[in-house]
């Protein structure tokens, strides 16, 4: 059973007018509300149920560069930078950690694809390492699979879904 969501109390004061209305208080809506209020705009964040309780509560919270399409890399690099700033900036615990990410495989094709990806990602200063079979095994404790190898991105991160959207909504 997943951890319970952080509860966000509805506002008792509904404004007559705002600059922006955001429909949906998942991670995208809550983050947009935070960024807009930071710029001095008034925002109404509307949600049919609980803040962060829909898809945002069902994901694993990965904030990753690893194996992204090249066109996405500038945005995710910036997003990881923002995630690193948001806890202190908002004063809220969002559960973001630079925990790293590891993929392990028994497929030579995967390793070849990861090697190609790594060559491209070096142009963006993304830290990524191809793992030998022994290193993949050592970095996946408890795994009973005999890995051929893997890939590790130590600067990728994770935001706790039960905290992130509610924390940003509260801050906004």
C-alpha atoms as a PDB file:
ATOM      1  CA  UNK A   1       0.000   0.000   0.000  1.00  0.00           C
ATOM      2  CA  UNK A   2       1.452   3.407  -0.977  1.00  0.00           C
ATOM      3  CA  UNK A   3       2.123   6.059   1.617  1.00  0.00           C
ATOM      4  CA  UNK A   4      -0.785   8.448   2.173  1.00  0.00           C
ATOM      5  CA  UNK A   5      -0.845  11.754   0.371  1.00  0.00           C
ATOM      6  CA  UNK A   6      -0.105  14.913   2.258  1.00  0.00           C
ATOM      7  CA  UNK A   7      -3.511  16.521   2.661  1.00  0.00           C
ATOM      8  CA  UNK A   8      -4.042  20.032   1.298  1.00  0.00           C
ATOM      9  CA  UNK A   9      -6.935  21.939   2.876  1.00  0.00           C
ATOM     10  CA  UNK A  10      -9.307  23.688   0.464  1.00  0.00           C
ATOM     11  CA  UNK A  11      -9.235  27.459   0.637  1.00  0.00           C
ATOM     12  CA  UNK A  12     -12.209  28.982   2.431  1.00  0.00           C
ATOM     13  CA  UNK A  13     -11.759  32.250   0.535  1.00  0.00           C
ATOM     14  CA  UNK A  14     -12.573  31.860  -3.147  1.00  0.00           C
ATOM     15  CA  UNK A  15     -11.499  35.020  -4.999  1.00  0.00           C
ATOM     16  CA  UNK A  16     -13.810  36.972  -7.292  1.00  0.00           C
ATOM     17  CA  UNK A  17     -11.020  37.268  -9.880  1.00  0.00           C
ATOM     18  CA  UNK A  18      -7.535  35.873 -10.515  1.00  0.00           C
ATOM     19  CA  UNK A  19      -4.911  36.272 -13.188  1.00  0.00           C
ATOM     20  CA  UNK A  20      -4.730  32.542 -13.993  1.00  0.00           C
ATOM     21  CA  UNK A  21      -6.981  29.543 -13.403  1.00  0.00           C
ATOM     22  CA  UNK A  22      -5.267  26.149 -13.423  1.00  0.00           C
ATOM     23  CA  UNK A  23      -7.452  23.079 -13.719  1.00  0.00           C
ATOM     24  CA  UNK A  24      -5.802  20.039 -12.176  1.00  0.00           C
ATOM     25  CA  UNK A  25      -3.662  20.027  -9.042  1.00  0.00           C
ATOM     26  CA  UNK A  26      -1.269  17.272  -9.987  1.00  0.00           C
ATOM     27  CA  UNK A  27       2.451  17.862 -10.254  1.00  0.00           C
ATOM     28  CA  UNK A  28       2.160  19.955 -13.451  1.00  0.00           C
ATOM     29  CA  UNK A  29      -0.662  22.147 -12.142  1.00  0.00           C
ATOM     30  CA  UNK A  30       0.881  22.605  -8.694  1.00  0.00           C
ATOM     31  CA  UNK A  31       4.301  23.435 -10.174  1.00  0.00           C
ATOM     32  CA  UNK A  32       2.731  25.933 -12.582  1.00  0.00           C
ATOM     33  CA  UNK A  33       0.820  27.531  -9.687  1.00  0.00           C
ATOM     34  CA  UNK A  34       4.063  27.897  -7.695  1.00  0.00           C
ATOM     35  CA  UNK A  35       6.009  29.433 -10.577  1.00  0.00           C
ATOM     36  CA  UNK A  36       3.196  31.865 -11.439  1.00  0.00           C
ATOM     37  CA  UNK A  37       2.614  33.024  -7.859  1.00  0.00           C
ATOM     38  CA  UNK A  38       6.363  33.538  -7.545  1.00  0.00           C
ATOM     39  CA  UNK A  39       6.062  35.982 -10.454  1.00  0.00           C
ATOM     40  CA  UNK A  40       3.348  37.902  -8.575  1.00  0.00           C
ATOM     41  CA  UNK A  41       0.295  36.552 -10.386  1.00  0.00           C
ATOM     42  CA  UNK A  42      -2.845  35.487  -8.544  1.00  0.00           C
ATOM     43  CA  UNK A  43      -3.776  31.879  -9.225  1.00  0.00           C
ATOM     44  CA  UNK A  44      -6.780  29.654  -8.577  1.00  0.00           C
ATOM     45  CA  UNK A  45      -5.704  25.999  -8.560  1.00  0.00           C
ATOM     46  CA  UNK A  46      -8.759  23.780  -9.057  1.00  0.00           C
ATOM     47  CA  UNK A  47      -8.933  20.045  -8.402  1.00  0.00           C
ATOM     48  CA  UNK A  48     -11.936  17.697  -8.515  1.00  0.00           C
ATOM     49  CA  UNK A  49     -10.593  15.591  -5.674  1.00  0.00           C
ATOM     50  CA  UNK A  50      -7.431  15.671  -3.586  1.00  0.00           C
ATOM     51  CA  UNK A  51      -4.271  17.531  -4.612  1.00  0.00           C
ATOM     52  CA  UNK A  52      -1.827  15.109  -6.225  1.00  0.00           C
ATOM     53  CA  UNK A  53      -4.211  12.136  -5.916  1.00  0.00           C
ATOM     54  CA  UNK A  54      -4.645  11.255  -9.576  1.00  0.00           C
ATOM     55  CA  UNK A  55      -1.774  10.262 -11.917  1.00  0.00           C
ATOM     56  CA  UNK A  56       0.757  12.227  -9.887  1.00  0.00           C
ATOM     57  CA  UNK A  57       0.221   9.811  -6.985  1.00  0.00           C
ATOM     58  CA  UNK A  58       0.681   6.741  -9.173  1.00  0.00           C
ATOM     59  CA  UNK A  59       4.079   7.448 -10.688  1.00  0.00           C
ATOM     60  CA  UNK A  60       7.437   6.492  -9.231  1.00  0.00           C
ATOM     61  CA  UNK A  61       8.662  10.075  -9.059  1.00  0.00           C
ATOM     62  CA  UNK A  62      11.727   9.676 -11.284  1.00  0.00           C
ATOM     63  CA  UNK A  63      13.374  12.871 -12.479  1.00  0.00           C
ATOM     64  CA  UNK A  64      15.788  11.373 -14.975  1.00  0.00           C
ATOM     65  CA  UNK A  65      18.134  12.306 -17.786  1.00  0.00           C
ATOM     66  CA  UNK A  66      19.147   8.698 -18.505  1.00  0.00           C
ATOM     67  CA  UNK A  67      17.989   7.415 -21.908  1.00  0.00           C
ATOM     68  CA  UNK A  68      15.986  10.527 -22.756  1.00  0.00           C
ATOM     69  CA  UNK A  69      15.566  11.627 -26.339  1.00  0.00           C
ATOM     70  CA  UNK A  70      18.246  14.187 -27.164  1.00  0.00           C
ATOM     71  CA  UNK A  71      15.592  16.861 -27.775  1.00  0.00           C
ATOM     72  CA  UNK A  72      14.441  16.468 -24.149  1.00  0.00           C
ATOM     73  CA  UNK A  73      17.853  16.782 -22.505  1.00  0.00           C
ATOM     74  CA  UNK A  74      18.062  20.593 -22.161  1.00  0.00           C
ATOM     75  CA  UNK A  75      14.655  20.648 -20.457  1.00  0.00           C
ATOM     76  CA  UNK A  76      15.331  17.750 -18.069  1.00  0.00           C
ATOM     77  CA  UNK A  77      18.743  19.177 -17.158  1.00  0.00           C
ATOM     78  CA  UNK A  78      16.994  22.426 -16.235  1.00  0.00           C
ATOM     79  CA  UNK A  79      14.197  20.525 -14.454  1.00  0.00           C
ATOM     80  CA  UNK A  80      16.701  18.670 -12.270  1.00  0.00           C
ATOM     81  CA  UNK A  81      18.319  21.983 -11.379  1.00  0.00           C
ATOM     82  CA  UNK A  82      14.882  23.396 -10.406  1.00  0.00           C
ATOM     83  CA  UNK A  83      14.030  20.298  -8.343  1.00  0.00           C
ATOM     84  CA  UNK A  84      17.231  20.851  -6.425  1.00  0.00           C
ATOM     85  CA  UNK A  85      16.185  24.425  -5.602  1.00  0.00           C
ATOM     86  CA  UNK A  86      12.477  23.994  -4.900  1.00  0.00           C
ATOM     87  CA  UNK A  87      12.617  22.560  -1.384  1.00  0.00           C
ATOM     88  CA  UNK A  88      14.547  25.495   0.025  1.00  0.00           C
ATOM     89  CA  UNK A  89      12.714  28.004  -2.156  1.00  0.00           C
ATOM     90  CA  UNK A  90       9.234  26.854  -1.081  1.00  0.00           C
ATOM     91  CA  UNK A  91      10.075  25.843   2.467  1.00  0.00           C
ATOM     92  CA  UNK A  92       8.258  22.564   1.789  1.00  0.00           C
ATOM     93  CA  UNK A  93       9.552  18.988   1.874  1.00  0.00           C
ATOM     94  CA  UNK A  94       9.040  17.685  -1.668  1.00  0.00           C
ATOM     95  CA  UNK A  95      10.999  14.496  -1.187  1.00  0.00           C
ATOM     96  CA  UNK A  96      13.504  15.296  -3.962  1.00  0.00           C
ATOM     97  CA  UNK A  97      16.793  13.425  -3.791  1.00  0.00           C
ATOM     98  CA  UNK A  98      19.594  12.962  -6.319  1.00  0.00           C
ATOM     99  CA  UNK A  99      19.430   9.221  -5.765  1.00  0.00           C
ATOM    100  CA  UNK A 100      20.848   8.110  -9.108  1.00  0.00           C
ATOM    101  CA  UNK A 101      19.306   5.641 -11.535  1.00  0.00           C
ATOM    102  CA  UNK A 102      20.514   2.241 -12.687  1.00  0.00           C
ATOM    103  CA  UNK A 103      19.302   0.105 -15.561  1.00  0.00           C
ATOM    104  CA  UNK A 104      20.600  -3.457 -15.764  1.00  0.00           C
ATOM    105  CA  UNK A 105      20.148  -5.851 -18.656  1.00  0.00           C
ATOM    106  CA  UNK A 106      20.822  -9.289 -20.111  1.00  0.00           C
ATOM    107  CA  UNK A 107      20.712  -7.848 -23.642  1.00  0.00           C
ATOM    108  CA  UNK A 108      23.724  -6.877 -25.746  1.00  0.00           C
ATOM    109  CA  UNK A 109      21.409  -4.665 -27.812  1.00  0.00           C
ATOM    110  CA  UNK A 110      20.534  -2.633 -24.691  1.00  0.00           C
ATOM    111  CA  UNK A 111      24.192  -2.127 -23.862  1.00  0.00           C
ATOM    112  CA  UNK A 112      24.942  -1.041 -27.434  1.00  0.00           C
ATOM    113  CA  UNK A 113      22.031   1.431 -27.325  1.00  0.00           C
ATOM    114  CA  UNK A 114      23.223   2.805 -23.974  1.00  0.00           C
ATOM    115  CA  UNK A 115      26.748   3.226 -25.330  1.00  0.00           C
ATOM    116  CA  UNK A 116      25.361   5.248 -28.274  1.00  0.00           C
ATOM    117  CA  UNK A 117      23.240   7.300 -25.884  1.00  0.00           C
ATOM    118  CA  UNK A 118      26.234   7.978 -23.634  1.00  0.00           C
ATOM    119  CA  UNK A 119      28.289   9.315 -26.558  1.00  0.00           C
ATOM    120  CA  UNK A 120      25.473  11.740 -27.425  1.00  0.00           C
ATOM    121  CA  UNK A 121      24.805  12.711 -23.771  1.00  0.00           C
ATOM    122  CA  UNK A 122      28.445  13.705 -23.209  1.00  0.00           C
ATOM    123  CA  UNK A 123      27.670  16.777 -25.377  1.00  0.00           C
ATOM    124  CA  UNK A 124      25.300  17.881 -22.577  1.00  0.00           C
ATOM    125  CA  UNK A 125      27.665  17.012 -19.693  1.00  0.00           C
ATOM    126  CA  UNK A 126      25.289  14.292 -18.484  1.00  0.00           C
ATOM    127  CA  UNK A 127      27.026  11.871 -16.128  1.00  0.00           C
ATOM    128  CA  UNK A 128      26.357   8.327 -17.265  1.00  0.00           C
ATOM    129  CA  UNK A 129      28.450   5.190 -16.936  1.00  0.00           C
ATOM    130  CA  UNK A 130      28.239   1.840 -18.711  1.00  0.00           C
ATOM    131  CA  UNK A 131      28.432  -0.937 -16.113  1.00  0.00           C
ATOM    132  CA  UNK A 132      30.199  -4.264 -16.405  1.00  0.00           C
ATOM    133  CA  UNK A 133      28.311  -7.377 -15.366  1.00  0.00           C
ATOM    134  CA  UNK A 134      30.058  -7.389 -11.972  1.00  0.00           C
ATOM    135  CA  UNK A 135      29.350  -3.701 -11.380  1.00  0.00           C
ATOM    136  CA  UNK A 136      25.682  -4.066 -12.418  1.00  0.00           C
ATOM    137  CA  UNK A 137      25.333  -6.965  -9.972  1.00  0.00           C
ATOM    138  CA  UNK A 138      27.025  -5.006  -7.172  1.00  0.00           C
ATOM    139  CA  UNK A 139      24.787  -1.979  -7.773  1.00  0.00           C
ATOM    140  CA  UNK A 140      21.559  -4.032  -7.695  1.00  0.00           C
ATOM    141  CA  UNK A 141      21.785  -5.730  -4.297  1.00  0.00           C
ATOM    142  CA  UNK A 142      19.260  -8.475  -3.794  1.00  0.00           C
ATOM    143  CA  UNK A 143      18.885  -9.128  -7.514  1.00  0.00           C
ATOM    144  CA  UNK A 144      19.102 -12.785  -8.482  1.00  0.00           C
ATOM    145  CA  UNK A 145      19.453 -12.039 -12.195  1.00  0.00           C
ATOM    146  CA  UNK A 146      22.782 -12.631 -13.893  1.00  0.00           C
ATOM    147  CA  UNK A 147      23.231  -9.266 -15.620  1.00  0.00           C
ATOM    148  CA  UNK A 148      25.293  -8.794 -18.763  1.00  0.00           C
ATOM    149  CA  UNK A 149      25.827  -5.155 -17.817  1.00  0.00           C
ATOM    150  CA  UNK A 150      24.026  -1.917 -17.191  1.00  0.00           C
ATOM    151  CA  UNK A 151      24.087   1.838 -17.154  1.00  0.00           C
ATOM    152  CA  UNK A 152      24.138   4.264 -14.231  1.00  0.00           C
ATOM    153  CA  UNK A 153      23.294   7.937 -14.044  1.00  0.00           C
ATOM    154  CA  UNK A 154      24.298   9.141 -10.554  1.00  0.00           C
ATOM    155  CA  UNK A 155      22.853  12.644 -10.930  1.00  0.00           C
ATOM    156  CA  UNK A 156      19.316  11.533 -11.763  1.00  0.00           C
ATOM    157  CA  UNK A 157      16.810  11.944  -8.995  1.00  0.00           C
ATOM    158  CA  UNK A 158      13.496  11.156  -7.442  1.00  0.00           C
ATOM    159  CA  UNK A 159      10.735  13.365  -6.020  1.00  0.00           C
ATOM    160  CA  UNK A 160       8.317  11.735  -3.579  1.00  0.00           C
ATOM    161  CA  UNK A 161       4.908  11.792  -5.339  1.00  0.00           C
ATOM    162  CA  UNK A 162       2.916  11.938  -2.073  1.00  0.00           C
ATOM    163  CA  UNK A 163       4.800  15.115  -1.075  1.00  0.00           C
ATOM    164  CA  UNK A 164       5.696  16.941  -4.305  1.00  0.00           C
ATOM    165  CA  UNK A 165       2.351  18.151  -5.700  1.00  0.00           C
ATOM    166  CA  UNK A 166       0.827  18.886  -2.267  1.00  0.00           C
ATOM    167  CA  UNK A 167       3.977  20.735  -1.152  1.00  0.00           C
ATOM    168  CA  UNK A 168       4.043  22.912  -4.262  1.00  0.00           C
ATOM    169  CA  UNK A 169       0.302  23.624  -3.958  1.00  0.00           C
ATOM    170  CA  UNK A 170       0.690  24.640  -0.308  1.00  0.00           C
ATOM    171  CA  UNK A 171       3.643  26.879  -1.189  1.00  0.00           C
ATOM    172  CA  UNK A 172       1.686  28.524  -4.007  1.00  0.00           C
END
